[in-house]
């Protein structure tokens, strides 16, 4: 049985929290990481062995409400980890999470920018996110207003919005982000999500 570590993310999460409704339970190292020495003090602030997490080892995870992750060492010490140094091995809650909605520019772009939507959806799904991709929503007409109405219905059923590059130049995407913010939903960059939650150390 995997150990249970109580941590802030189990009780509250900030708007920019990167893991949706889930909280890491264990992490697997994709690099060997050692605690950083402090200026002047070096390692004198550490009693006993210097915390080191070796590549391929798995550790219980401690996560704060902003999504910063630390590995819990066998002796009880914590070792702060950076994105790219670990991958999520297991989650506290394995139940399906509410999806995130992918928002970005379409109008005026080649193929309505669908290739970018499909590529980002695939990358986010590969790291465990449930994604609502508006490029996959069936739209009986190509009328902009009708399409946006259907997309907004899908958006409000999600827990957060992940934005594609250039969203701020799109009238529809700006409206989607505004609605999400007014509803208290988290709005994050899709690229930022990928930089935090890595598979095998690569986005």
N, C-alpha and C. Protein backbone atom coordinates (compact mmCIF):
# COMPACT_ATOMS: atom_id res chain seq x y z
N UNK A 1 0.85 -1.20 0.00
CA UNK A 1 0.00 0.00 0.00
C UNK A 1 0.88 1.24 0.00
N UNK A 2 0.59 2.18 -0.90
CA UNK A 2 1.36 3.42 -0.96
C UNK A 2 1.12 4.25 0.29
N UNK A 3 2.13 4.92 0.81
CA UNK A 3 1.96 5.71 2.03
C UNK A 3 1.06 6.91 1.78
N UNK A 4 0.37 7.35 2.81
CA UNK A 4 -0.47 8.55 2.74
C UNK A 4 0.28 9.70 3.38
N UNK A 5 0.47 10.77 2.64
CA UNK A 5 1.10 11.97 3.16
C UNK A 5 0.08 13.09 3.12
N UNK A 6 -0.29 13.61 4.29
CA UNK A 6 -1.21 14.75 4.31
C UNK A 6 -0.44 15.98 3.84
N UNK A 7 -1.07 16.77 3.00
CA UNK A 7 -0.39 17.95 2.46
C UNK A 7 -1.41 19.02 2.13
N UNK A 8 -0.98 20.29 1.99
CA UNK A 8 -1.92 21.39 1.77
C UNK A 8 -2.82 21.20 0.56
N UNK A 9 -2.31 20.60 -0.52
CA UNK A 9 -3.10 20.48 -1.76
C UNK A 9 -4.32 19.58 -1.59
N UNK A 10 -4.32 18.75 -0.57
CA UNK A 10 -5.49 17.90 -0.32
C UNK A 10 -6.64 18.70 0.27
N UNK A 11 -6.36 19.90 0.78
CA UNK A 11 -7.37 20.69 1.48
C UNK A 11 -7.77 21.96 0.74
N UNK A 12 -6.84 22.58 0.02
CA UNK A 12 -7.17 23.75 -0.79
C UNK A 12 -6.13 23.89 -1.88
N UNK A 13 -6.56 24.46 -3.03
CA UNK A 13 -5.66 24.62 -4.16
C UNK A 13 -5.86 26.01 -4.77
N UNK A 14 -4.78 26.65 -5.16
CA UNK A 14 -4.85 27.99 -5.73
C UNK A 14 -5.39 27.93 -7.16
N UNK A 15 -5.71 29.10 -7.70
CA UNK A 15 -6.24 29.17 -9.06
C UNK A 15 -5.26 28.62 -10.09
N UNK A 16 -3.97 28.78 -9.84
CA UNK A 16 -2.97 28.31 -10.79
C UNK A 16 -2.49 26.90 -10.54
N UNK A 17 -3.14 26.18 -9.62
CA UNK A 17 -2.72 24.81 -9.30
C UNK A 17 -2.71 23.96 -10.57
N UNK A 18 -1.62 23.26 -10.88
CA UNK A 18 -1.46 22.65 -12.21
C UNK A 18 -2.05 21.25 -12.40
N UNK A 19 -2.51 20.58 -11.33
CA UNK A 19 -2.91 19.19 -11.47
C UNK A 19 -4.42 18.98 -11.48
N UNK A 20 -5.19 20.04 -11.70
CA UNK A 20 -6.64 19.88 -11.74
C UNK A 20 -7.20 19.49 -10.39
N UNK A 21 -8.04 18.44 -10.38
CA UNK A 21 -8.65 17.96 -9.14
C UNK A 21 -7.80 16.91 -8.44
N UNK A 22 -6.65 16.62 -8.98
CA UNK A 22 -5.83 15.52 -8.44
C UNK A 22 -4.64 16.05 -7.65
N UNK A 23 -4.16 15.21 -6.74
CA UNK A 23 -3.00 15.55 -5.92
C UNK A 23 -2.00 14.39 -6.02
N UNK A 24 -0.74 14.69 -6.37
CA UNK A 24 0.26 13.61 -6.46
C UNK A 24 0.39 12.86 -5.15
N UNK A 25 0.43 11.54 -5.24
CA UNK A 25 0.66 10.71 -4.06
C UNK A 25 2.10 10.23 -4.00
N UNK A 26 2.61 9.79 -5.13
CA UNK A 26 4.02 9.39 -5.22
C UNK A 26 4.62 9.94 -6.51
N UNK A 27 5.93 10.17 -6.47
CA UNK A 27 6.65 10.66 -7.65
C UNK A 27 7.81 9.72 -7.95
N UNK A 28 8.12 9.59 -9.23
CA UNK A 28 9.26 8.78 -9.69
C UNK A 28 10.28 9.73 -10.30
N UNK A 29 11.53 9.58 -9.87
CA UNK A 29 12.57 10.50 -10.32
C UNK A 29 13.01 10.18 -11.74
N UNK A 30 13.14 11.24 -12.55
CA UNK A 30 13.69 11.07 -13.90
C UNK A 30 15.10 11.66 -13.97
N UNK A 31 15.55 12.26 -12.85
CA UNK A 31 16.91 12.73 -12.69
C UNK A 31 17.32 12.48 -11.25
N UNK A 32 18.61 12.40 -10.99
CA UNK A 32 19.09 12.36 -9.61
C UNK A 32 19.20 13.79 -9.08
N UNK A 33 18.58 14.02 -7.92
CA UNK A 33 18.49 15.37 -7.36
C UNK A 33 19.03 15.36 -5.93
N UNK A 34 19.83 16.36 -5.59
CA UNK A 34 20.36 16.52 -4.24
C UNK A 34 19.95 17.89 -3.71
N UNK A 35 19.72 17.98 -2.42
CA UNK A 35 19.36 19.26 -1.81
C UNK A 35 20.40 20.32 -2.15
N UNK A 36 19.92 21.55 -2.37
CA UNK A 36 20.83 22.65 -2.69
C UNK A 36 21.49 23.18 -1.43
N UNK A 37 22.79 23.49 -1.50
CA UNK A 37 23.44 24.13 -0.35
C UNK A 37 22.97 25.57 -0.21
N UNK A 38 22.93 26.07 1.01
CA UNK A 38 22.56 27.46 1.24
C UNK A 38 23.79 28.35 1.13
N UNK A 39 23.61 29.60 0.67
CA UNK A 39 24.75 30.52 0.63
C UNK A 39 25.40 30.65 2.01
N UNK A 40 26.70 30.62 2.04
CA UNK A 40 27.52 30.75 3.26
C UNK A 40 27.41 29.50 4.14
N UNK A 41 26.18 29.06 4.43
CA UNK A 41 25.99 27.93 5.33
C UNK A 41 26.32 26.59 4.68
N UNK A 42 26.25 26.51 3.36
CA UNK A 42 26.47 25.23 2.69
C UNK A 42 25.41 24.23 3.11
N UNK A 43 25.86 23.06 3.57
CA UNK A 43 24.93 22.02 4.03
C UNK A 43 24.83 21.96 5.55
N UNK A 44 25.37 22.95 6.25
CA UNK A 44 25.38 22.89 7.71
C UNK A 44 23.97 23.00 8.30
N UNK A 45 23.02 23.46 7.49
CA UNK A 45 21.64 23.57 7.99
C UNK A 45 20.93 22.22 8.02
N UNK A 46 21.55 21.19 7.45
CA UNK A 46 20.96 19.85 7.40
C UNK A 46 21.57 18.97 8.46
N UNK A 47 20.73 18.37 9.29
CA UNK A 47 21.21 17.41 10.27
C UNK A 47 21.20 16.02 9.65
N UNK A 48 22.34 15.34 9.69
CA UNK A 48 22.40 13.99 9.15
C UNK A 48 22.67 13.99 7.66
N UNK A 49 22.19 12.96 6.99
CA UNK A 49 22.48 12.76 5.57
C UNK A 49 21.83 13.85 4.72
N UNK A 50 22.51 14.23 3.65
CA UNK A 50 21.99 15.23 2.71
C UNK A 50 20.92 14.54 1.85
N UNK A 51 19.69 15.09 1.81
CA UNK A 51 18.63 14.45 1.02
C UNK A 51 19.01 14.31 -0.45
N UNK A 52 18.91 13.09 -0.95
CA UNK A 52 19.22 12.80 -2.35
C UNK A 52 18.18 11.84 -2.89
N UNK A 53 17.64 12.17 -4.04
CA UNK A 53 16.67 11.30 -4.71
C UNK A 53 17.30 10.81 -6.00
N UNK A 54 17.49 9.51 -6.11
CA UNK A 54 18.21 8.91 -7.23
C UNK A 54 17.24 8.59 -8.36
N UNK A 55 17.70 8.77 -9.59
CA UNK A 55 16.88 8.48 -10.76
C UNK A 55 16.23 7.09 -10.67
N UNK A 56 14.96 7.02 -11.04
CA UNK A 56 14.14 5.80 -11.04
C UNK A 56 13.56 5.45 -9.68
N UNK A 57 14.04 6.09 -8.59
CA UNK A 57 13.45 5.84 -7.28
C UNK A 57 12.08 6.51 -7.19
N UNK A 58 11.20 5.92 -6.38
CA UNK A 58 9.86 6.46 -6.15
C UNK A 58 9.74 6.89 -4.70
N UNK A 59 9.14 8.08 -4.48
CA UNK A 59 9.01 8.64 -3.14
C UNK A 59 7.58 9.12 -2.90
N UNK A 60 7.12 9.10 -1.64
CA UNK A 60 5.87 9.79 -1.32
C UNK A 60 6.02 11.27 -1.64
N UNK A 61 4.92 11.89 -2.07
CA UNK A 61 4.97 13.30 -2.48
C UNK A 61 4.25 14.19 -1.48
N UNK A 62 4.81 15.37 -1.25
CA UNK A 62 4.16 16.42 -0.48
C UNK A 62 3.96 17.59 -1.44
N UNK A 63 2.73 18.11 -1.54
CA UNK A 63 2.40 19.14 -2.53
C UNK A 63 1.71 20.31 -1.85
N UNK A 64 2.18 21.53 -2.11
CA UNK A 64 1.51 22.69 -1.52
C UNK A 64 0.34 23.12 -2.40
N UNK A 65 -0.40 24.13 -1.98
CA UNK A 65 -1.64 24.50 -2.67
C UNK A 65 -1.38 25.10 -4.04
N UNK A 66 -0.13 25.49 -4.32
CA UNK A 66 0.21 26.05 -5.62
C UNK A 66 0.74 24.99 -6.58
N UNK A 67 0.94 23.76 -6.10
CA UNK A 67 1.41 22.68 -6.96
C UNK A 67 2.89 22.39 -6.87
N UNK A 68 3.62 23.07 -5.94
CA UNK A 68 5.03 22.75 -5.75
C UNK A 68 5.14 21.39 -5.07
N UNK A 69 6.00 20.53 -5.59
CA UNK A 69 6.10 19.15 -5.13
C UNK A 69 7.44 18.89 -4.45
N UNK A 70 7.40 18.18 -3.33
CA UNK A 70 8.61 17.73 -2.64
C UNK A 70 8.55 16.22 -2.47
N UNK A 71 9.71 15.59 -2.53
CA UNK A 71 9.81 14.16 -2.25
C UNK A 71 10.07 13.97 -0.76
N UNK A 72 9.36 13.02 -0.15
CA UNK A 72 9.56 12.72 1.26
C UNK A 72 10.60 11.61 1.39
N UNK A 73 11.71 11.93 2.04
CA UNK A 73 12.78 10.97 2.22
C UNK A 73 12.42 9.96 3.32
N UNK A 74 13.03 8.77 3.30
CA UNK A 74 12.74 7.77 4.33
C UNK A 74 12.97 8.25 5.76
N UNK A 75 13.91 9.22 5.95
CA UNK A 75 14.19 9.72 7.30
C UNK A 75 13.29 10.90 7.68
N UNK A 76 12.30 11.22 6.83
CA UNK A 76 11.37 12.28 7.14
C UNK A 76 11.71 13.63 6.55
N UNK A 77 12.92 13.78 5.99
CA UNK A 77 13.29 15.05 5.37
C UNK A 77 12.50 15.22 4.05
N UNK A 78 12.38 16.48 3.61
CA UNK A 78 11.74 16.75 2.33
C UNK A 78 12.78 17.29 1.36
N UNK A 79 12.56 16.99 0.09
CA UNK A 79 13.46 17.46 -0.97
C UNK A 79 12.61 18.11 -2.06
N UNK A 80 12.72 19.44 -2.18
CA UNK A 80 11.95 20.15 -3.18
C UNK A 80 12.36 19.74 -4.59
N UNK A 81 11.37 19.56 -5.45
CA UNK A 81 11.63 19.10 -6.82
C UNK A 81 11.17 20.16 -7.82
N UNK A 82 11.86 20.20 -8.96
CA UNK A 82 11.51 21.11 -10.04
C UNK A 82 10.86 20.31 -11.18
N UNK A 83 10.00 20.96 -11.99
CA UNK A 83 9.46 20.28 -13.17
C UNK A 83 10.59 19.74 -14.03
N UNK A 84 10.40 18.53 -14.52
CA UNK A 84 11.44 17.90 -15.32
C UNK A 84 12.34 16.98 -14.54
N UNK A 85 12.28 17.06 -13.18
CA UNK A 85 13.09 16.17 -12.35
C UNK A 85 12.32 14.93 -11.93
N UNK A 86 11.00 14.94 -12.13
CA UNK A 86 10.16 13.83 -11.67
C UNK A 86 8.97 13.65 -12.59
N UNK A 87 8.31 12.51 -12.44
CA UNK A 87 7.01 12.27 -13.06
C UNK A 87 6.07 11.75 -11.98
N UNK A 88 4.78 11.96 -12.18
CA UNK A 88 3.81 11.48 -11.19
C UNK A 88 3.67 9.96 -11.33
N UNK A 89 3.89 9.25 -10.24
CA UNK A 89 3.76 7.78 -10.26
C UNK A 89 2.35 7.35 -9.86
N UNK A 90 1.72 8.08 -8.92
CA UNK A 90 0.35 7.75 -8.52
C UNK A 90 -0.29 8.99 -7.93
N UNK A 91 -1.63 8.95 -7.84
CA UNK A 91 -2.41 10.08 -7.36
C UNK A 91 -3.17 9.71 -6.10
N UNK A 92 -3.46 10.67 -5.27
CA UNK A 92 -4.29 10.43 -4.09
C UNK A 92 -5.69 10.01 -4.49
N UNK A 93 -6.24 10.65 -5.51
CA UNK A 93 -7.61 10.35 -5.94
C UNK A 93 -7.56 9.82 -7.35
N UNK A 94 -7.86 8.54 -7.52
CA UNK A 94 -7.79 7.93 -8.84
C UNK A 94 -9.11 8.05 -9.60
N UNK A 95 -10.12 8.68 -9.00
CA UNK A 95 -11.39 8.82 -9.69
C UNK A 95 -11.24 9.80 -10.85
N UNK A 96 -12.07 9.65 -11.89
CA UNK A 96 -11.93 10.54 -13.05
C UNK A 96 -12.08 12.00 -12.65
N UNK A 97 -11.22 12.83 -13.16
CA UNK A 97 -11.27 14.24 -12.85
C UNK A 97 -12.21 14.96 -13.83
N UNK A 98 -12.75 16.10 -13.40
CA UNK A 98 -13.47 16.93 -14.34
C UNK A 98 -12.48 17.42 -15.39
N UNK A 99 -12.92 17.53 -16.63
CA UNK A 99 -11.97 17.90 -17.68
C UNK A 99 -11.62 19.37 -17.66
N UNK A 100 -10.55 19.70 -18.35
CA UNK A 100 -10.23 21.10 -18.59
C UNK A 100 -10.63 21.43 -20.02
N UNK A 101 -10.94 22.69 -20.24
CA UNK A 101 -11.39 23.16 -21.55
C UNK A 101 -10.24 23.86 -22.25
N UNK A 102 -10.00 23.49 -23.50
CA UNK A 102 -8.90 24.06 -24.27
C UNK A 102 -9.42 25.25 -25.08
N UNK A 103 -8.85 26.43 -24.82
CA UNK A 103 -9.31 27.66 -25.46
C UNK A 103 -8.17 28.28 -26.26
N UNK A 104 -8.50 28.75 -27.46
CA UNK A 104 -7.47 29.38 -28.29
C UNK A 104 -8.05 29.99 -29.54
N UNK A 105 -7.21 30.59 -30.35
CA UNK A 105 -7.69 31.26 -31.56
C UNK A 105 -8.06 30.28 -32.66
N UNK A 106 -9.13 30.58 -33.39
CA UNK A 106 -9.56 29.77 -34.53
C UNK A 106 -9.81 30.64 -35.77
N UNK A 107 -10.67 31.63 -35.61
CA UNK A 107 -11.12 32.44 -36.75
C UNK A 107 -9.94 33.09 -37.47
N UNK A 108 -9.93 32.93 -38.80
CA UNK A 108 -8.91 33.56 -39.63
C UNK A 108 -7.63 32.78 -39.77
N UNK A 109 -7.49 31.66 -39.05
CA UNK A 109 -6.27 30.86 -39.14
C UNK A 109 -6.49 29.66 -40.07
N UNK A 110 -5.43 29.15 -40.71
CA UNK A 110 -5.58 27.98 -41.59
C UNK A 110 -6.20 26.80 -40.86
N UNK A 111 -7.19 26.16 -41.50
CA UNK A 111 -7.90 25.01 -40.91
C UNK A 111 -8.46 25.34 -39.54
N UNK A 112 -8.80 26.62 -39.33
CA UNK A 112 -9.35 27.10 -38.05
C UNK A 112 -8.45 26.76 -36.86
N UNK A 113 -7.17 26.56 -37.15
CA UNK A 113 -6.20 26.24 -36.09
C UNK A 113 -6.45 24.88 -35.45
N UNK A 114 -7.28 24.05 -36.09
CA UNK A 114 -7.59 22.74 -35.53
C UNK A 114 -6.34 21.89 -35.27
N UNK A 115 -5.33 21.90 -36.17
CA UNK A 115 -4.15 21.07 -35.88
C UNK A 115 -3.49 21.40 -34.54
N UNK A 116 -3.45 22.70 -34.20
CA UNK A 116 -2.84 23.09 -32.91
C UNK A 116 -3.69 22.60 -31.74
N UNK A 117 -5.03 22.68 -31.89
CA UNK A 117 -5.92 22.18 -30.85
C UNK A 117 -5.73 20.67 -30.66
N UNK A 118 -5.68 19.94 -31.76
CA UNK A 118 -5.56 18.48 -31.67
C UNK A 118 -4.21 18.07 -31.09
N UNK A 119 -3.15 18.77 -31.49
CA UNK A 119 -1.82 18.45 -30.96
C UNK A 119 -1.75 18.69 -29.46
N UNK A 120 -2.25 19.85 -29.01
CA UNK A 120 -2.19 20.15 -27.58
C UNK A 120 -3.08 19.22 -26.78
N UNK A 121 -4.25 18.89 -27.31
CA UNK A 121 -5.13 17.94 -26.61
C UNK A 121 -4.43 16.61 -26.41
N UNK A 122 -3.76 16.13 -27.46
CA UNK A 122 -3.05 14.84 -27.36
C UNK A 122 -1.94 14.90 -26.32
N UNK A 123 -1.21 16.02 -26.27
CA UNK A 123 -0.11 16.14 -25.32
C UNK A 123 -0.63 16.22 -23.88
N UNK A 124 -1.71 16.96 -23.67
CA UNK A 124 -2.28 17.06 -22.32
C UNK A 124 -2.87 15.72 -21.87
N UNK A 125 -3.54 15.03 -22.79
CA UNK A 125 -4.10 13.73 -22.44
C UNK A 125 -3.00 12.71 -22.13
N UNK A 126 -1.86 12.86 -22.80
CA UNK A 126 -0.75 11.93 -22.57
C UNK A 126 -0.20 12.04 -21.16
N UNK A 127 -0.35 13.21 -20.51
CA UNK A 127 0.14 13.36 -19.13
C UNK A 127 -1.00 13.25 -18.12
N UNK A 128 -2.16 12.74 -18.57
CA UNK A 128 -3.21 12.38 -17.63
C UNK A 128 -4.37 13.33 -17.51
N UNK A 129 -4.41 14.42 -18.28
CA UNK A 129 -5.52 15.36 -18.18
C UNK A 129 -6.70 14.91 -19.05
N UNK A 130 -7.90 15.08 -18.52
CA UNK A 130 -9.10 14.95 -19.33
C UNK A 130 -9.32 16.29 -20.01
N UNK A 131 -9.53 16.28 -21.32
CA UNK A 131 -9.57 17.52 -22.09
C UNK A 131 -10.85 17.60 -22.92
N UNK A 132 -11.51 18.75 -22.86
CA UNK A 132 -12.58 19.07 -23.80
C UNK A 132 -11.97 19.96 -24.88
N UNK A 133 -11.92 19.45 -26.08
CA UNK A 133 -11.32 20.14 -27.21
C UNK A 133 -12.43 20.67 -28.11
N UNK A 134 -12.63 21.99 -28.20
CA UNK A 134 -13.71 22.52 -29.01
C UNK A 134 -13.60 22.14 -30.49
N UNK A 135 -12.40 21.81 -30.93
CA UNK A 135 -12.23 21.37 -32.32
C UNK A 135 -12.85 19.99 -32.53
N UNK A 136 -13.18 19.29 -31.45
CA UNK A 136 -13.83 17.98 -31.55
C UNK A 136 -15.34 18.04 -31.33
N UNK A 137 -15.84 19.22 -30.97
CA UNK A 137 -17.28 19.39 -30.73
C UNK A 137 -18.01 19.49 -32.06
N UNK A 138 -19.12 18.79 -32.17
CA UNK A 138 -19.89 18.82 -33.41
C UNK A 138 -20.67 20.13 -33.50
N UNK A 139 -20.49 20.84 -34.59
CA UNK A 139 -21.19 22.10 -34.82
C UNK A 139 -22.01 21.97 -36.11
N UNK A 140 -23.35 21.89 -35.99
CA UNK A 140 -24.20 21.70 -37.18
C UNK A 140 -24.06 22.82 -38.19
N UNK A 141 -23.77 24.04 -37.73
CA UNK A 141 -23.58 25.16 -38.65
C UNK A 141 -22.21 25.77 -38.39
N UNK A 142 -21.77 26.60 -39.31
CA UNK A 142 -20.49 27.28 -39.13
C UNK A 142 -20.69 28.71 -38.62
N UNK A 143 -21.93 29.02 -38.23
CA UNK A 143 -22.21 30.35 -37.69
C UNK A 143 -21.42 30.57 -36.41
N UNK A 144 -20.69 31.69 -36.35
CA UNK A 144 -19.79 31.94 -35.21
C UNK A 144 -20.54 31.94 -33.90
N UNK A 145 -21.69 32.61 -33.85
CA UNK A 145 -22.46 32.70 -32.61
C UNK A 145 -22.94 31.34 -32.14
N UNK A 146 -23.43 30.53 -33.09
CA UNK A 146 -23.93 29.20 -32.73
C UNK A 146 -22.79 28.31 -32.24
N UNK A 147 -21.67 28.38 -32.91
CA UNK A 147 -20.51 27.59 -32.47
C UNK A 147 -20.08 27.98 -31.07
N UNK A 148 -20.04 29.30 -30.81
CA UNK A 148 -19.60 29.76 -29.49
C UNK A 148 -20.58 29.33 -28.41
N UNK A 149 -21.88 29.35 -28.71
CA UNK A 149 -22.87 28.90 -27.72
C UNK A 149 -22.60 27.46 -27.31
N UNK A 150 -22.37 26.59 -28.28
CA UNK A 150 -22.09 25.18 -27.97
C UNK A 150 -20.79 25.04 -27.18
N UNK A 151 -19.80 25.82 -27.56
CA UNK A 151 -18.51 25.74 -26.87
C UNK A 151 -18.64 26.20 -25.42
N UNK A 152 -19.42 27.24 -25.18
CA UNK A 152 -19.59 27.74 -23.81
C UNK A 152 -20.32 26.72 -22.94
N UNK A 153 -21.30 26.03 -23.50
CA UNK A 153 -21.98 24.97 -22.75
C UNK A 153 -20.98 23.92 -22.31
N UNK A 154 -20.05 23.56 -23.20
CA UNK A 154 -19.01 22.58 -22.85
C UNK A 154 -18.05 23.15 -21.82
N UNK A 155 -17.71 24.42 -21.96
CA UNK A 155 -16.75 25.06 -21.05
C UNK A 155 -17.24 25.03 -19.60
N UNK A 156 -18.51 25.39 -19.37
CA UNK A 156 -18.98 25.53 -17.99
C UNK A 156 -19.07 24.19 -17.27
N UNK A 157 -18.98 23.08 -18.00
CA UNK A 157 -18.98 21.76 -17.36
C UNK A 157 -17.57 21.34 -16.93
N UNK A 158 -16.57 22.16 -17.23
CA UNK A 158 -15.18 21.84 -16.92
C UNK A 158 -14.75 22.50 -15.61
N UNK A 159 -13.57 22.12 -15.13
CA UNK A 159 -13.08 22.70 -13.87
C UNK A 159 -12.08 23.81 -14.10
N UNK A 160 -11.51 23.89 -15.32
CA UNK A 160 -10.52 24.93 -15.59
C UNK A 160 -10.39 25.11 -17.10
N UNK A 161 -9.68 26.16 -17.47
CA UNK A 161 -9.43 26.46 -18.89
C UNK A 161 -7.93 26.49 -19.12
N UNK A 162 -7.50 25.81 -20.17
CA UNK A 162 -6.09 25.85 -20.59
C UNK A 162 -6.03 26.59 -21.91
N UNK A 163 -5.20 27.61 -21.98
CA UNK A 163 -5.15 28.47 -23.16
C UNK A 163 -4.01 28.11 -24.10
N UNK A 164 -4.30 28.21 -25.39
CA UNK A 164 -3.28 28.05 -26.43
C UNK A 164 -2.62 29.40 -26.70
N UNK A 165 -1.38 29.39 -27.21
CA UNK A 165 -0.73 30.65 -27.58
C UNK A 165 -1.61 31.46 -28.54
N UNK A 166 -1.67 32.76 -28.32
CA UNK A 166 -2.43 33.64 -29.18
C UNK A 166 -3.88 33.81 -28.77
N UNK A 167 -4.29 33.20 -27.65
CA UNK A 167 -5.69 33.28 -27.25
C UNK A 167 -6.14 34.72 -27.02
N UNK A 168 -5.22 35.57 -26.56
CA UNK A 168 -5.58 36.94 -26.22
C UNK A 168 -5.94 37.78 -27.46
N UNK A 169 -5.62 37.27 -28.65
CA UNK A 169 -5.96 37.97 -29.89
C UNK A 169 -7.27 37.46 -30.50
N UNK A 170 -7.92 36.51 -29.82
CA UNK A 170 -9.16 35.91 -30.33
C UNK A 170 -10.35 36.41 -29.53
N UNK A 171 -11.35 36.97 -30.24
CA UNK A 171 -12.55 37.47 -29.56
C UNK A 171 -13.25 36.34 -28.81
N UNK A 172 -13.38 35.18 -29.45
CA UNK A 172 -14.06 34.06 -28.80
C UNK A 172 -13.30 33.53 -27.60
N UNK A 173 -11.98 33.38 -27.73
CA UNK A 173 -11.18 32.86 -26.62
C UNK A 173 -11.17 33.85 -25.45
N UNK A 174 -11.09 35.15 -25.75
CA UNK A 174 -11.13 36.14 -24.67
C UNK A 174 -12.45 36.06 -23.91
N UNK A 175 -13.54 35.83 -24.64
CA UNK A 175 -14.84 35.68 -23.97
C UNK A 175 -14.87 34.42 -23.12
N UNK A 176 -14.32 33.32 -23.64
CA UNK A 176 -14.28 32.08 -22.86
C UNK A 176 -13.48 32.26 -21.58
N UNK A 177 -12.35 32.93 -21.66
CA UNK A 177 -11.53 33.17 -20.48
C UNK A 177 -12.27 34.06 -19.49
N UNK A 178 -12.94 35.08 -19.99
CA UNK A 178 -13.70 35.98 -19.11
C UNK A 178 -14.79 35.22 -18.37
N UNK A 179 -15.53 34.37 -19.09
CA UNK A 179 -16.59 33.57 -18.46
C UNK A 179 -15.99 32.65 -17.40
N UNK A 180 -14.88 32.00 -17.72
CA UNK A 180 -14.24 31.09 -16.77
C UNK A 180 -13.83 31.84 -15.51
N UNK A 181 -13.23 33.01 -15.67
CA UNK A 181 -12.79 33.80 -14.51
C UNK A 181 -13.98 34.24 -13.67
N UNK A 182 -15.06 34.65 -14.32
CA UNK A 182 -16.25 35.09 -13.58
C UNK A 182 -16.88 33.92 -12.81
N UNK A 183 -16.70 32.71 -13.31
CA UNK A 183 -17.24 31.53 -12.65
C UNK A 183 -16.28 30.96 -11.60
N UNK A 184 -15.13 31.61 -11.42
CA UNK A 184 -14.17 31.16 -10.43
C UNK A 184 -13.34 29.97 -10.87
N UNK A 185 -13.28 29.72 -12.17
CA UNK A 185 -12.49 28.61 -12.69
C UNK A 185 -11.04 29.04 -12.86
N UNK A 186 -10.13 28.09 -12.72
CA UNK A 186 -8.71 28.37 -12.96
C UNK A 186 -8.48 28.53 -14.46
N UNK A 187 -7.67 29.52 -14.82
CA UNK A 187 -7.26 29.72 -16.21
C UNK A 187 -5.73 29.65 -16.25
N UNK A 188 -5.20 28.69 -16.99
CA UNK A 188 -3.76 28.48 -17.03
C UNK A 188 -3.32 28.29 -18.48
N UNK A 189 -2.07 28.55 -18.73
CA UNK A 189 -1.49 28.29 -20.04
C UNK A 189 -1.31 26.78 -20.23
N UNK A 190 -1.74 26.28 -21.38
CA UNK A 190 -1.56 24.86 -21.67
C UNK A 190 -0.08 24.49 -21.66
N UNK A 191 0.77 25.37 -22.16
CA UNK A 191 2.21 25.10 -22.16
C UNK A 191 2.77 25.04 -20.75
N UNK A 192 2.23 25.88 -19.85
CA UNK A 192 2.67 25.83 -18.45
C UNK A 192 2.29 24.50 -17.81
N UNK A 193 1.11 23.99 -18.14
CA UNK A 193 0.71 22.68 -17.61
C UNK A 193 1.70 21.61 -18.03
N UNK A 194 2.11 21.65 -19.28
CA UNK A 194 3.04 20.64 -19.77
C UNK A 194 4.42 20.79 -19.14
N UNK A 195 4.80 22.02 -18.79
CA UNK A 195 6.12 22.23 -18.18
C UNK A 195 6.16 21.71 -16.75
N UNK A 196 5.00 21.62 -16.10
CA UNK A 196 4.94 21.13 -14.72
C UNK A 196 4.77 19.63 -14.68
N UNK A 197 3.87 19.12 -15.49
CA UNK A 197 3.56 17.69 -15.45
C UNK A 197 4.21 17.00 -16.63
N UNK A 198 5.33 16.37 -16.40
CA UNK A 198 6.13 15.82 -17.47
C UNK A 198 5.99 14.30 -17.53
N UNK A 199 6.24 13.76 -18.70
CA UNK A 199 6.31 12.30 -18.87
C UNK A 199 7.72 11.96 -19.31
N UNK A 200 8.42 11.20 -18.48
CA UNK A 200 9.77 10.82 -18.82
C UNK A 200 10.73 11.99 -18.91
N UNK A 201 10.34 13.12 -18.28
CA UNK A 201 11.24 14.26 -18.26
C UNK A 201 11.16 15.12 -19.49
N UNK A 202 10.27 14.80 -20.46
CA UNK A 202 10.12 15.61 -21.65
C UNK A 202 8.70 16.03 -21.79
N UNK A 203 8.41 17.25 -22.30
CA UNK A 203 7.05 17.71 -22.41
C UNK A 203 6.32 17.00 -23.52
